[in-house]
N, C-alpha and C. Protein backbone atom coordinates (compact mmCIF):
# COMPACT_ATOMS: atom_id res chain seq x y z
N MET A 1 0.85 -1.19 0.00
CA MET A 1 0.00 0.00 0.00
C MET A 1 0.89 1.23 0.00
N ASP A 2 0.54 2.21 -0.77
CA ASP A 2 1.29 3.45 -0.84
C ASP A 2 1.07 4.24 0.45
N THR A 3 2.13 4.43 1.21
CA THR A 3 1.99 5.15 2.47
C THR A 3 2.46 6.60 2.36
N THR A 4 3.06 6.96 1.25
CA THR A 4 3.49 8.33 1.06
C THR A 4 2.35 9.14 0.48
N SER A 5 2.38 10.42 0.76
CA SER A 5 1.37 11.31 0.23
C SER A 5 2.08 12.40 -0.56
N PRO A 6 2.30 12.18 -1.86
CA PRO A 6 3.03 13.18 -2.63
C PRO A 6 2.27 14.50 -2.68
N ASP A 7 3.02 15.57 -2.75
CA ASP A 7 2.44 16.90 -2.84
C ASP A 7 2.08 17.17 -4.29
N VAL A 8 0.89 16.76 -4.68
CA VAL A 8 0.47 16.96 -6.07
C VAL A 8 0.16 18.42 -6.37
N GLY A 9 0.08 19.23 -5.35
CA GLY A 9 -0.14 20.66 -5.54
C GLY A 9 1.08 21.41 -6.04
N LYS A 10 2.23 20.74 -6.02
CA LYS A 10 3.48 21.41 -6.42
C LYS A 10 3.59 21.61 -7.92
N PHE A 11 2.78 20.90 -8.70
CA PHE A 11 2.88 20.99 -10.15
C PHE A 11 2.24 22.28 -10.65
N THR A 12 2.98 22.99 -11.49
CA THR A 12 2.48 24.26 -12.01
C THR A 12 1.99 24.16 -13.45
N SER A 13 2.16 22.98 -14.06
CA SER A 13 1.67 22.78 -15.42
C SER A 13 1.31 21.32 -15.61
N PHE A 14 0.49 21.06 -16.62
CA PHE A 14 0.13 19.69 -16.91
C PHE A 14 1.35 18.90 -17.38
N ALA A 15 2.25 19.56 -18.11
CA ALA A 15 3.47 18.89 -18.59
C ALA A 15 4.30 18.36 -17.41
N GLU A 16 4.31 19.08 -16.30
CA GLU A 16 5.01 18.62 -15.10
C GLU A 16 4.23 17.49 -14.42
N PHE A 17 2.93 17.59 -14.44
CA PHE A 17 2.06 16.64 -13.75
C PHE A 17 2.00 15.28 -14.43
N TYR A 18 2.01 15.25 -15.77
CA TYR A 18 1.76 14.01 -16.50
C TYR A 18 2.74 12.89 -16.16
N PRO A 19 4.04 13.13 -16.07
CA PRO A 19 4.94 12.02 -15.66
C PRO A 19 4.58 11.46 -14.28
N PHE A 20 4.20 12.33 -13.35
CA PHE A 20 3.75 11.87 -12.03
C PHE A 20 2.49 11.01 -12.20
N TYR A 21 1.57 11.48 -13.01
CA TYR A 21 0.31 10.75 -13.25
C TYR A 21 0.60 9.36 -13.80
N LEU A 22 1.50 9.26 -14.76
CA LEU A 22 1.85 7.96 -15.32
C LEU A 22 2.47 7.05 -14.26
N GLY A 23 3.27 7.62 -13.37
CA GLY A 23 3.86 6.85 -12.29
C GLY A 23 2.82 6.29 -11.34
N GLU A 24 1.71 7.00 -11.21
CA GLU A 24 0.61 6.55 -10.36
C GLU A 24 -0.23 5.47 -11.05
N HIS A 25 0.14 5.14 -12.29
CA HIS A 25 -0.58 4.13 -13.07
C HIS A 25 0.39 3.10 -13.63
N SER A 26 1.34 2.69 -12.81
CA SER A 26 2.34 1.73 -13.27
C SER A 26 1.78 0.30 -13.32
N ASN A 27 0.72 0.04 -12.59
CA ASN A 27 0.10 -1.28 -12.59
C ASN A 27 -0.74 -1.45 -13.86
N ARG A 28 -0.46 -2.50 -14.59
CA ARG A 28 -1.11 -2.72 -15.88
C ARG A 28 -2.63 -2.91 -15.74
N THR A 29 -3.07 -3.59 -14.70
CA THR A 29 -4.50 -3.79 -14.50
C THR A 29 -5.19 -2.46 -14.22
N CYS A 30 -4.54 -1.61 -13.45
CA CYS A 30 -5.09 -0.28 -13.17
C CYS A 30 -5.25 0.49 -14.48
N ARG A 31 -4.22 0.49 -15.32
CA ARG A 31 -4.31 1.18 -16.62
C ARG A 31 -5.44 0.61 -17.47
N ARG A 32 -5.55 -0.71 -17.48
CA ARG A 32 -6.61 -1.35 -18.27
C ARG A 32 -7.99 -0.95 -17.76
N LEU A 33 -8.16 -0.89 -16.45
CA LEU A 33 -9.44 -0.48 -15.89
C LEU A 33 -9.75 0.97 -16.25
N HIS A 34 -8.75 1.84 -16.22
CA HIS A 34 -8.93 3.22 -16.67
C HIS A 34 -9.39 3.25 -18.12
N PHE A 35 -8.73 2.47 -18.95
CA PHE A 35 -9.03 2.44 -20.38
C PHE A 35 -10.47 1.97 -20.62
N VAL A 36 -10.87 0.91 -19.94
CA VAL A 36 -12.24 0.39 -20.08
C VAL A 36 -13.25 1.43 -19.59
N GLY A 37 -12.98 2.03 -18.45
CA GLY A 37 -13.90 3.04 -17.91
C GLY A 37 -14.03 4.23 -18.83
N SER A 38 -12.91 4.68 -19.38
CA SER A 38 -12.96 5.81 -20.32
C SER A 38 -13.70 5.44 -21.59
N SER A 39 -13.48 4.23 -22.08
CA SER A 39 -14.18 3.77 -23.28
C SER A 39 -15.69 3.71 -23.03
N LEU A 40 -16.09 3.18 -21.89
CA LEU A 40 -17.51 3.14 -21.55
C LEU A 40 -18.08 4.55 -21.41
N GLY A 41 -17.28 5.45 -20.86
CA GLY A 41 -17.70 6.84 -20.75
C GLY A 41 -17.96 7.46 -22.12
N LEU A 42 -17.09 7.16 -23.07
CA LEU A 42 -17.29 7.68 -24.43
C LEU A 42 -18.53 7.06 -25.09
N VAL A 43 -18.75 5.78 -24.86
CA VAL A 43 -19.95 5.12 -25.41
C VAL A 43 -21.20 5.77 -24.83
N CYS A 44 -21.19 6.03 -23.53
CA CYS A 44 -22.35 6.67 -22.89
C CYS A 44 -22.55 8.09 -23.43
N LEU A 45 -21.47 8.82 -23.65
CA LEU A 45 -21.58 10.17 -24.21
C LEU A 45 -22.18 10.11 -25.61
N ALA A 46 -21.69 9.20 -26.44
CA ALA A 46 -22.23 9.06 -27.79
C ALA A 46 -23.71 8.68 -27.74
N ALA A 47 -24.06 7.77 -26.85
CA ALA A 47 -25.46 7.37 -26.72
C ALA A 47 -26.33 8.53 -26.24
N ALA A 48 -25.79 9.35 -25.34
CA ALA A 48 -26.53 10.52 -24.86
C ALA A 48 -26.77 11.51 -25.99
N LEU A 49 -25.75 11.72 -26.81
CA LEU A 49 -25.91 12.64 -27.94
C LEU A 49 -26.89 12.09 -28.97
N PHE A 50 -26.86 10.79 -29.18
CA PHE A 50 -27.73 10.16 -30.17
C PHE A 50 -29.19 10.11 -29.72
N THR A 51 -29.40 9.83 -28.43
CA THR A 51 -30.76 9.64 -27.92
C THR A 51 -31.33 10.87 -27.23
N GLY A 52 -30.46 11.79 -26.83
CA GLY A 52 -30.93 12.95 -26.09
C GLY A 52 -31.13 12.67 -24.61
N ALA A 53 -30.74 11.49 -24.15
CA ALA A 53 -30.90 11.12 -22.74
C ALA A 53 -29.69 11.61 -21.94
N ALA A 54 -29.84 12.76 -21.33
CA ALA A 54 -28.74 13.36 -20.59
C ALA A 54 -28.26 12.50 -19.43
N SER A 55 -29.13 11.65 -18.91
CA SER A 55 -28.73 10.79 -17.79
C SER A 55 -27.59 9.85 -18.18
N LEU A 56 -27.45 9.59 -19.48
CA LEU A 56 -26.35 8.73 -19.92
C LEU A 56 -24.98 9.38 -19.70
N ILE A 57 -24.95 10.70 -19.67
CA ILE A 57 -23.69 11.40 -19.39
C ILE A 57 -23.26 11.09 -17.95
N LEU A 58 -24.21 11.14 -17.04
CA LEU A 58 -23.89 10.79 -15.65
C LEU A 58 -23.46 9.34 -15.53
N LEU A 59 -24.10 8.46 -16.26
CA LEU A 59 -23.71 7.06 -16.25
C LEU A 59 -22.28 6.90 -16.77
N GLY A 60 -21.94 7.66 -17.80
CA GLY A 60 -20.58 7.62 -18.34
C GLY A 60 -19.54 8.07 -17.33
N LEU A 61 -19.84 9.15 -16.62
CA LEU A 61 -18.93 9.61 -15.57
C LEU A 61 -18.79 8.57 -14.46
N LEU A 62 -19.91 7.99 -14.08
CA LEU A 62 -19.88 6.95 -13.06
C LEU A 62 -19.02 5.77 -13.50
N CYS A 63 -19.20 5.33 -14.73
CA CYS A 63 -18.38 4.22 -15.25
C CYS A 63 -16.89 4.57 -15.21
N GLY A 64 -16.57 5.74 -15.74
CA GLY A 64 -15.17 6.15 -15.79
C GLY A 64 -14.53 6.19 -14.42
N TYR A 65 -15.17 6.85 -13.48
CA TYR A 65 -14.58 6.96 -12.15
C TYR A 65 -14.62 5.65 -11.38
N ALA A 66 -15.67 4.86 -11.53
CA ALA A 66 -15.75 3.59 -10.81
C ALA A 66 -14.62 2.66 -11.23
N PHE A 67 -14.42 2.50 -12.54
CA PHE A 67 -13.35 1.63 -13.01
C PHE A 67 -11.99 2.15 -12.57
N ALA A 68 -11.78 3.47 -12.65
CA ALA A 68 -10.49 4.05 -12.25
C ALA A 68 -10.23 3.83 -10.76
N TRP A 69 -11.23 4.06 -9.95
CA TRP A 69 -11.03 3.93 -8.51
C TRP A 69 -10.84 2.48 -8.09
N ILE A 70 -11.51 1.55 -8.76
CA ILE A 70 -11.25 0.14 -8.49
C ILE A 70 -9.80 -0.18 -8.82
N GLY A 71 -9.31 0.37 -9.92
CA GLY A 71 -7.92 0.16 -10.30
C GLY A 71 -6.95 0.70 -9.26
N HIS A 72 -7.24 1.88 -8.74
CA HIS A 72 -6.33 2.49 -7.76
C HIS A 72 -6.37 1.77 -6.42
N PHE A 73 -7.56 1.61 -5.88
CA PHE A 73 -7.67 1.03 -4.54
C PHE A 73 -7.42 -0.48 -4.55
N GLY A 74 -7.80 -1.17 -5.62
CA GLY A 74 -7.67 -2.61 -5.66
C GLY A 74 -6.37 -3.13 -6.21
N PHE A 75 -5.75 -2.41 -7.13
CA PHE A 75 -4.56 -2.93 -7.80
C PHE A 75 -3.34 -2.04 -7.64
N GLU A 76 -3.49 -0.75 -7.83
CA GLU A 76 -2.35 0.17 -7.73
C GLU A 76 -2.00 0.43 -6.27
N LYS A 77 -2.99 0.32 -5.39
CA LYS A 77 -2.82 0.54 -3.95
C LYS A 77 -2.39 1.97 -3.63
N ASN A 78 -3.03 2.92 -4.31
CA ASN A 78 -2.78 4.33 -4.02
C ASN A 78 -4.09 5.10 -4.14
N LYS A 79 -4.06 6.35 -3.73
CA LYS A 79 -5.24 7.20 -3.84
C LYS A 79 -5.20 7.91 -5.19
N PRO A 80 -6.32 8.02 -5.87
CA PRO A 80 -6.35 8.76 -7.12
C PRO A 80 -5.97 10.22 -6.91
N ALA A 81 -5.17 10.74 -7.82
CA ALA A 81 -4.77 12.15 -7.73
C ALA A 81 -5.96 13.07 -7.97
N SER A 82 -7.06 12.53 -8.44
CA SER A 82 -8.24 13.36 -8.71
C SER A 82 -8.79 14.00 -7.44
N PHE A 83 -8.43 13.45 -6.27
CA PHE A 83 -8.89 14.05 -5.03
C PHE A 83 -8.23 15.41 -4.79
N LYS A 84 -6.99 15.58 -5.29
CA LYS A 84 -6.27 16.84 -5.05
C LYS A 84 -6.10 17.68 -6.31
N ARG A 85 -6.01 17.06 -7.46
CA ARG A 85 -5.84 17.80 -8.72
C ARG A 85 -6.84 17.27 -9.75
N PRO A 86 -8.14 17.56 -9.57
CA PRO A 86 -9.15 16.96 -10.44
C PRO A 86 -8.99 17.30 -11.92
N LEU A 87 -8.68 18.54 -12.26
CA LEU A 87 -8.56 18.92 -13.67
C LEU A 87 -7.36 18.23 -14.32
N TYR A 88 -6.19 18.31 -13.68
CA TYR A 88 -5.01 17.66 -14.23
C TYR A 88 -5.21 16.14 -14.32
N SER A 89 -5.89 15.57 -13.35
CA SER A 89 -6.13 14.13 -13.37
C SER A 89 -7.06 13.75 -14.52
N PHE A 90 -8.09 14.55 -14.73
CA PHE A 90 -9.00 14.31 -15.85
C PHE A 90 -8.24 14.41 -17.17
N MET A 91 -7.42 15.44 -17.29
CA MET A 91 -6.60 15.60 -18.50
C MET A 91 -5.62 14.44 -18.65
N GLY A 92 -5.03 14.01 -17.53
CA GLY A 92 -4.08 12.90 -17.55
C GLY A 92 -4.73 11.61 -18.00
N ASP A 93 -5.96 11.39 -17.58
CA ASP A 93 -6.66 10.17 -17.99
C ASP A 93 -6.82 10.13 -19.50
N TRP A 94 -7.20 11.26 -20.08
CA TRP A 94 -7.41 11.28 -21.54
C TRP A 94 -6.08 11.26 -22.29
N ALA A 95 -5.04 11.85 -21.73
CA ALA A 95 -3.72 11.77 -22.36
C ALA A 95 -3.21 10.33 -22.32
N MET A 96 -3.42 9.65 -21.18
CA MET A 96 -3.01 8.25 -21.08
C MET A 96 -3.84 7.38 -22.02
N TYR A 97 -5.11 7.66 -22.14
CA TYR A 97 -6.00 6.94 -23.05
C TYR A 97 -5.47 7.06 -24.49
N ARG A 98 -5.15 8.29 -24.87
CA ARG A 98 -4.58 8.54 -26.20
C ARG A 98 -3.27 7.78 -26.37
N ASP A 99 -2.40 7.84 -25.37
CA ASP A 99 -1.09 7.19 -25.46
C ASP A 99 -1.20 5.67 -25.51
N ILE A 100 -2.22 5.11 -24.88
CA ILE A 100 -2.45 3.66 -24.99
C ILE A 100 -2.88 3.34 -26.42
N TRP A 101 -3.82 4.11 -26.97
CA TRP A 101 -4.26 3.88 -28.35
C TRP A 101 -3.09 3.99 -29.33
N LEU A 102 -2.19 4.93 -29.08
CA LEU A 102 -1.05 5.14 -29.99
C LEU A 102 0.10 4.17 -29.75
N GLY A 103 -0.01 3.32 -28.74
CA GLY A 103 1.03 2.34 -28.45
C GLY A 103 2.21 2.88 -27.68
N ARG A 104 2.10 4.10 -27.16
CA ARG A 104 3.20 4.69 -26.38
C ARG A 104 3.25 4.12 -24.96
N ILE A 105 2.10 3.63 -24.50
CA ILE A 105 1.98 3.02 -23.17
C ILE A 105 1.38 1.63 -23.39
N PRO A 106 1.98 0.60 -22.80
CA PRO A 106 1.42 -0.75 -23.00
C PRO A 106 0.04 -0.90 -22.36
N PHE A 107 -0.83 -1.58 -23.11
CA PHE A 107 -2.16 -1.91 -22.60
C PHE A 107 -2.01 -3.18 -21.79
């Protein structure tokens, strides 16, 4: 279990934050859960746009965060940085998602 509490507030730019974010996702299962949750979130967003059912957007957010948090608490054994840096963490999730699709980060 991660017993250290890094000062995530020290980052002044996303470029500084992203390497830290990737370090918090070194566990492959955690990354895979993030990827699945983000993919489900995109499916829910597309379905919401197609059907007009705004509640699907909330379902997409729930899917994304639920899968990510299971990955952190169950496999990575750390706290999600979203508790302290929600915007950078949200951006980091999509940057990591892109990097997995591009093969820069192993799935």
